[in-house]
Amino acid sequence: PRGVFSWALLRALGRLGGSATYRR
């Protein structure tokens, strides 16, 4: 079980990297 947003945000961080901006 996961919060859809938390899961999606951490997935985006893993895919785009820590240098990605908040907007991206």
PDB file of all heavy atoms in Angstrom:
ATOM      1  N   PRO A   1       0.838  -1.206   0.000  1.00  0.00           N
ATOM      2  CA  PRO A   1       0.000   0.000   0.000  1.00  0.00           C
ATOM      3  C   PRO A   1       0.872   1.254   0.000  1.00  0.00           C
ATOM      4  O   PRO A   1       1.814   1.357   0.794  1.00  0.00           O
ATOM      5  CB  PRO A   1      -0.801  -0.114   1.308  1.00  0.00           C
ATOM      6  CG  PRO A   1      -0.645  -1.528   1.763  1.00  0.00           C
ATOM      7  CD  PRO A   1       0.671  -1.984   1.240  1.00  0.00           C
ATOM      8  N   ARG A   2       0.545   2.200  -0.868  1.00  0.00           N
ATOM      9  CA  ARG A   2       1.315   3.429  -0.971  1.00  0.00           C
ATOM     10  C   ARG A   2       0.396   4.598  -1.281  1.00  0.00           C
ATOM     11  O   ARG A   2      -0.642   4.445  -1.929  1.00  0.00           O
ATOM     12  CB  ARG A   2       2.370   3.321  -2.087  1.00  0.00           C
ATOM     13  CG  ARG A   2       3.477   2.313  -1.832  1.00  0.00           C
ATOM     14  CD  ARG A   2       4.372   2.738  -0.682  1.00  0.00           C
ATOM     15  NE  ARG A   2       4.951   4.056  -0.923  1.00  0.00           N
ATOM     16  CZ  ARG A   2       6.033   4.282  -1.660  1.00  0.00           C
ATOM     17  NH1 ARG A   2       6.671   3.260  -2.224  1.00  0.00           N
ATOM     18  NH2 ARG A   2       6.484   5.501  -1.819  1.00  0.00           N
ATOM     19  N   GLY A   3       0.802   5.772  -0.835  1.00  0.00           N
ATOM     20  CA  GLY A   3       0.165   6.977  -1.318  1.00  0.00           C
ATOM     21  C   GLY A   3       0.562   7.179  -2.770  1.00  0.00           C
ATOM     22  O   GLY A   3       1.751   7.138  -3.109  1.00  0.00           O
ATOM     23  N   VAL A   4      -0.412   7.385  -3.630  1.00  0.00           N
ATOM     24  CA  VAL A   4      -0.116   7.481  -5.063  1.00  0.00           C
ATOM     25  C   VAL A   4       0.852   8.625  -5.330  1.00  0.00           C
ATOM     26  O   VAL A   4       1.786   8.493  -6.131  1.00  0.00           O
ATOM     27  CB  VAL A   4      -1.417   7.667  -5.871  1.00  0.00           C
ATOM     28  CG1 VAL A   4      -1.110   7.792  -7.369  1.00  0.00           C
ATOM     29  CG2 VAL A   4      -2.365   6.502  -5.637  1.00  0.00           C
ATOM     30  N   PHE A   5       0.683   9.755  -4.644  1.00  0.00           N
ATOM     31  CA  PHE A   5       1.554  10.893  -4.897  1.00  0.00           C
ATOM     32  C   PHE A   5       2.972  10.635  -4.389  1.00  0.00           C
ATOM     33  O   PHE A   5       3.948  10.927  -5.082  1.00  0.00           O
ATOM     34  CB  PHE A   5       0.989  12.156  -4.250  1.00  0.00           C
ATOM     35  CG  PHE A   5       1.879  13.353  -4.391  1.00  0.00           C
ATOM     36  CD1 PHE A   5       2.181  13.879  -5.631  1.00  0.00           C
ATOM     37  CD2 PHE A   5       2.432  13.951  -3.262  1.00  0.00           C
ATOM     38  CE1 PHE A   5       3.012  14.976  -5.767  1.00  0.00           C
ATOM     39  CE2 PHE A   5       3.263  15.061  -3.382  1.00  0.00           C
ATOM     40  CZ  PHE A   5       3.555  15.571  -4.641  1.00  0.00           C
ATOM     41  N   SER A   6       3.122  10.116  -3.171  1.00  0.00           N
ATOM     42  CA  SER A   6       4.460   9.824  -2.645  1.00  0.00           C
ATOM     43  C   SER A   6       5.185   8.848  -3.556  1.00  0.00           C
ATOM     44  O   SER A   6       6.370   9.018  -3.871  1.00  0.00           O
ATOM     45  CB  SER A   6       4.369   9.262  -1.229  1.00  0.00           C
ATOM     46  OG  SER A   6       3.956  10.240  -0.307  1.00  0.00           O
ATOM     47  N   TRP A   7       4.475   7.804  -3.980  1.00  0.00           N
ATOM     48  CA  TRP A   7       5.071   6.820  -4.880  1.00  0.00           C
ATOM     49  C   TRP A   7       5.507   7.476  -6.186  1.00  0.00           C
ATOM     50  O   TRP A   7       6.624   7.244  -6.674  1.00  0.00           O
ATOM     51  CB  TRP A   7       4.056   5.703  -5.147  1.00  0.00           C
ATOM     52  CG  TRP A   7       4.504   4.691  -6.152  1.00  0.00           C
ATOM     53  CD1 TRP A   7       5.261   3.577  -5.928  1.00  0.00           C
ATOM     54  CD2 TRP A   7       4.202   4.695  -7.546  1.00  0.00           C
ATOM     55  NE1 TRP A   7       5.463   2.891  -7.095  1.00  0.00           N
ATOM     56  CE2 TRP A   7       4.809   3.548  -8.114  1.00  0.00           C
ATOM     57  CE3 TRP A   7       3.473   5.534  -8.374  1.00  0.00           C
ATOM     58  CZ2 TRP A   7       4.721   3.238  -9.472  1.00  0.00           C
ATOM     59  CZ3 TRP A   7       3.379   5.231  -9.730  1.00  0.00           C
ATOM     60  CH2 TRP A   7       3.992   4.102 -10.268  1.00  0.00           C
ATOM     61  N   ALA A   8       4.642   8.318  -6.755  1.00  0.00           N
ATOM     62  CA  ALA A   8       4.949   8.962  -8.034  1.00  0.00           C
ATOM     63  C   ALA A   8       6.106   9.951  -7.890  1.00  0.00           C
ATOM     64  O   ALA A   8       6.963  10.044  -8.776  1.00  0.00           O
ATOM     65  CB  ALA A   8       3.710   9.666  -8.572  1.00  0.00           C
ATOM     66  N   LEU A   9       6.146  10.694  -6.782  1.00  0.00           N
ATOM     67  CA  LEU A   9       7.215  11.677  -6.591  1.00  0.00           C
ATOM     68  C   LEU A   9       8.563  10.983  -6.422  1.00  0.00           C
ATOM     69  O   LEU A   9       9.565  11.394  -7.027  1.00  0.00           O
ATOM     70  CB  LEU A   9       6.905  12.546  -5.380  1.00  0.00           C
ATOM     71  CG  LEU A   9       7.910  13.653  -5.063  1.00  0.00           C
ATOM     72  CD1 LEU A   9       8.066  14.613  -6.236  1.00  0.00           C
ATOM     73  CD2 LEU A   9       7.494  14.410  -3.803  1.00  0.00           C
ATOM     74  N   LEU A  10       8.620   9.920  -5.626  1.00  0.00           N
ATOM     75  CA  LEU A  10       9.876   9.202  -5.455  1.00  0.00           C
ATOM     76  C   LEU A  10      10.288   8.505  -6.752  1.00  0.00           C
ATOM     77  O   LEU A  10      11.482   8.407  -7.062  1.00  0.00           O
ATOM     78  CB  LEU A  10       9.746   8.190  -4.316  1.00  0.00           C
ATOM     79  CG  LEU A  10       9.676   8.808  -2.915  1.00  0.00           C
ATOM     80  CD1 LEU A  10       9.280   7.764  -1.885  1.00  0.00           C
ATOM     81  CD2 LEU A  10      11.008   9.444  -2.537  1.00  0.00           C
ATOM     82  N   ARG A  11       9.313   8.059  -7.507  1.00  0.00           N
ATOM     83  CA  ARG A  11       9.619   7.460  -8.821  1.00  0.00           C
ATOM     84  C   ARG A  11      10.218   8.506  -9.754  1.00  0.00           C
ATOM     85  O   ARG A  11      11.175   8.239 -10.483  1.00  0.00           O
ATOM     86  CB  ARG A  11       8.345   6.863  -9.414  1.00  0.00           C
ATOM     87  CG  ARG A  11       8.557   6.061 -10.697  1.00  0.00           C
ATOM     88  CD  ARG A  11       7.289   5.304 -11.059  1.00  0.00           C
ATOM     89  NE  ARG A  11       7.491   4.457 -12.226  1.00  0.00           N
ATOM     90  CZ  ARG A  11       7.172   4.797 -13.466  1.00  0.00           C
ATOM     91  NH1 ARG A  11       6.636   5.980 -13.698  1.00  0.00           N
ATOM     92  NH2 ARG A  11       7.388   3.973 -14.477  1.00  0.00           N
ATOM     93  N   ALA A  12       9.649   9.722  -9.736  1.00  0.00           N
ATOM     94  CA  ALA A  12      10.188  10.800 -10.567  1.00  0.00           C
ATOM     95  C   ALA A  12      11.604  11.163 -10.128  1.00  0.00           C
ATOM     96  O   ALA A  12      12.477  11.424 -10.963  1.00  0.00           O
ATOM     97  CB  ALA A  12       9.270  12.022 -10.492  1.00  0.00           C
ATOM     98  N   LEU A  13      11.862  11.183  -8.808  1.00  0.00           N
ATOM     99  CA  LEU A  13      13.206  11.474  -8.322  1.00  0.00           C
ATOM    100  C   LEU A  13      14.204  10.417  -8.767  1.00  0.00           C
ATOM    101  O   LEU A  13      15.336  10.733  -9.149  1.00  0.00           O
ATOM    102  CB  LEU A  13      13.193  11.569  -6.794  1.00  0.00           C
ATOM    103  CG  LEU A  13      12.661  12.874  -6.207  1.00  0.00           C
ATOM    104  CD1 LEU A  13      12.347  12.707  -4.724  1.00  0.00           C
ATOM    105  CD2 LEU A  13      13.671  13.995  -6.412  1.00  0.00           C
ATOM    106  N   GLY A  14      13.786   9.155  -8.728  1.00  0.00           N
ATOM    107  CA  GLY A  14      14.675   8.096  -9.182  1.00  0.00           C
ATOM    108  C   GLY A  14      14.956   8.155 -10.665  1.00  0.00           C
ATOM    109  O   GLY A  14      16.053   7.814 -11.129  1.00  0.00           O
ATOM    110  N   ARG A  15      13.968   8.600 -11.439  1.00  0.00           N
ATOM    111  CA  ARG A  15      14.100   8.635 -12.893  1.00  0.00           C
ATOM    112  C   ARG A  15      14.834   9.875 -13.379  1.00  0.00           C
ATOM    113  O   ARG A  15      15.672   9.821 -14.277  1.00  0.00           O
ATOM    114  CB  ARG A  15      12.701   8.575 -13.522  1.00  0.00           C
ATOM    115  CG  ARG A  15      12.695   8.324 -15.006  1.00  0.00           C
ATOM    116  CD  ARG A  15      11.304   7.962 -15.488  1.00  0.00           C
ATOM    117  NE  ARG A  15      10.368   9.062 -15.392  1.00  0.00           N
ATOM    118  CZ  ARG A  15       9.297   9.073 -14.612  1.00  0.00           C
ATOM    119  NH1 ARG A  15       9.035   8.048 -13.829  1.00  0.00           N
ATOM    120  NH2 ARG A  15       8.488  10.115 -14.580  1.00  0.00           N
ATOM    121  N   LEU A  16      14.538  11.034 -12.755  1.00  0.00           N
ATOM    122  CA  LEU A  16      15.106  12.296 -13.216  1.00  0.00           C
ATOM    123  C   LEU A  16      16.351  12.706 -12.445  1.00  0.00           C
ATOM    124  O   LEU A  16      17.113  13.554 -12.922  1.00  0.00           O
ATOM    125  CB  LEU A  16      14.055  13.406 -13.109  1.00  0.00           C
ATOM    126  CG  LEU A  16      12.767  13.199 -13.909  1.00  0.00           C
ATOM    127  CD1 LEU A  16      11.813  14.354 -13.648  1.00  0.00           C
ATOM    128  CD2 LEU A  16      13.065  13.062 -15.391  1.00  0.00           C
ATOM    129  N   GLY A  17      16.541  12.149 -11.241  1.00  0.00           N
ATOM    130  CA  GLY A  17      17.721  12.492 -10.463  1.00  0.00           C
ATOM    131  C   GLY A  17      17.469  13.667  -9.543  1.00  0.00           C
ATOM    132  O   GLY A  17      16.551  14.462  -9.728  1.00  0.00           O
ATOM    133  N   GLY A  18      18.342  13.792  -8.535  1.00  0.00           N
ATOM    134  CA  GLY A  18      18.197  14.845  -7.538  1.00  0.00           C
ATOM    135  C   GLY A  18      18.430  16.238  -8.077  1.00  0.00           C
ATOM    136  O   GLY A  18      18.110  17.219  -7.407  1.00  0.00           O
ATOM    137  N   SER A  19      18.993  16.371  -9.300  1.00  0.00           N
ATOM    138  CA  SER A  19      19.209  17.700  -9.874  1.00  0.00           C
ATOM    139  C   SER A  19      17.975  18.245 -10.574  1.00  0.00           C
ATOM    140  O   SER A  19      17.961  19.402 -10.998  1.00  0.00           O
ATOM    141  CB  SER A  19      20.379  17.660 -10.864  1.00  0.00           C
ATOM    142  OG  SER A  19      20.085  16.786 -11.949  1.00  0.00           O
ATOM    143  N   ALA A  20      16.929  17.429 -10.701  1.00  0.00           N
ATOM    144  CA  ALA A  20      15.695  17.890 -11.348  1.00  0.00           C
ATOM    145  C   ALA A  20      15.040  18.973 -10.494  1.00  0.00           C
ATOM    146  O   ALA A  20      15.042  18.900  -9.269  1.00  0.00           O
ATOM    147  CB  ALA A  20      14.732  16.727 -11.559  1.00  0.00           C
ATOM    148  N   THR A  21      14.474  19.964 -11.150  1.00  0.00           N
ATOM    149  CA  THR A  21      13.821  21.046 -10.427  1.00  0.00           C
ATOM    150  C   THR A  21      12.471  20.591  -9.895  1.00  0.00           C
ATOM    151  O   THR A  21      11.900  19.600 -10.359  1.00  0.00           O
ATOM    152  CB  THR A  21      13.628  22.267 -11.327  1.00  0.00           C
ATOM    153  OG1 THR A  21      12.707  21.928 -12.384  1.00  0.00           O
ATOM    154  CG2 THR A  21      14.941  22.720 -11.939  1.00  0.00           C
ATOM    155  N   TYR A  22      11.966  21.359  -8.915  1.00  0.00           N
ATOM    156  CA  TYR A  22      10.643  21.050  -8.380  1.00  0.00           C
ATOM    157  C   TYR A  22       9.582  21.076  -9.486  1.00  0.00           C
ATOM    158  O   TYR A  22       8.657  20.265  -9.489  1.00  0.00           O
ATOM    159  CB  TYR A  22      10.276  22.062  -7.285  1.00  0.00           C
ATOM    160  CG  TYR A  22      11.150  21.960  -6.066  1.00  0.00           C
ATOM    161  CD1 TYR A  22      12.116  22.922  -5.797  1.00  0.00           C
ATOM    162  CD2 TYR A  22      11.017  20.899  -5.172  1.00  0.00           C
ATOM    163  CE1 TYR A  22      12.922  22.831  -4.676  1.00  0.00           C
ATOM    164  CE2 TYR A  22      11.817  20.801  -4.054  1.00  0.00           C
ATOM    165  CZ  TYR A  22      12.776  21.768  -3.805  1.00  0.00           C
ATOM    166  OH  TYR A  22      13.581  21.668  -2.703  1.00  0.00           O
ATOM    167  N   ARG A  23       9.721  22.005 -10.405  1.00  0.00           N
ATOM    168  CA  ARG A  23       8.741  22.114 -11.485  1.00  0.00           C
ATOM    169  C   ARG A  23       8.715  20.846 -12.340  1.00  0.00           C
ATOM    170  O   ARG A  23       7.655  20.306 -12.659  1.00  0.00           O
ATOM    171  CB  ARG A  23       9.049  23.344 -12.340  1.00  0.00           C
ATOM    172  CG  ARG A  23       7.919  23.746 -13.273  1.00  0.00           C
ATOM    173  CD  ARG A  23       8.327  24.923 -14.149  1.00  0.00           C
ATOM    174  NE  ARG A  23       8.825  26.076 -13.398  1.00  0.00           N
ATOM    175  CZ  ARG A  23       8.038  26.963 -12.811  1.00  0.00           C
ATOM    176  NH1 ARG A  23       6.727  26.839 -12.873  1.00  0.00           N
ATOM    177  NH2 ARG A  23       8.562  27.992 -12.154  1.00  0.00           N
ATOM    178  N   ARG A  24       9.906  20.353 -12.727  1.00  0.00           N
ATOM    179  CA  ARG A  24       9.977  19.138 -13.545  1.00  0.00           C
ATOM    180  C   ARG A  24       9.488  17.916 -12.771  1.00  0.00           C
ATOM    181  O   ARG A  24       8.807  17.044 -13.314  1.00  0.00           O
ATOM    182  CB  ARG A  24      11.404  18.910 -14.029  1.00  0.00           C
ATOM    183  CG  ARG A  24      11.888  19.876 -15.096  1.00  0.00           C
ATOM    184  CD  ARG A  24      13.186  19.406 -15.696  1.00  0.00           C
ATOM    185  NE  ARG A  24      12.994  18.139 -16.415  1.00  0.00           N
ATOM    186  CZ  ARG A  24      13.965  17.251 -16.630  1.00  0.00           C
ATOM    187  NH1 ARG A  24      15.178  17.468 -16.155  1.00  0.00           N
ATOM    188  NH2 ARG A  24      13.712  16.130 -17.298  1.00  0.00           N
TER     189      ARG A  24
END
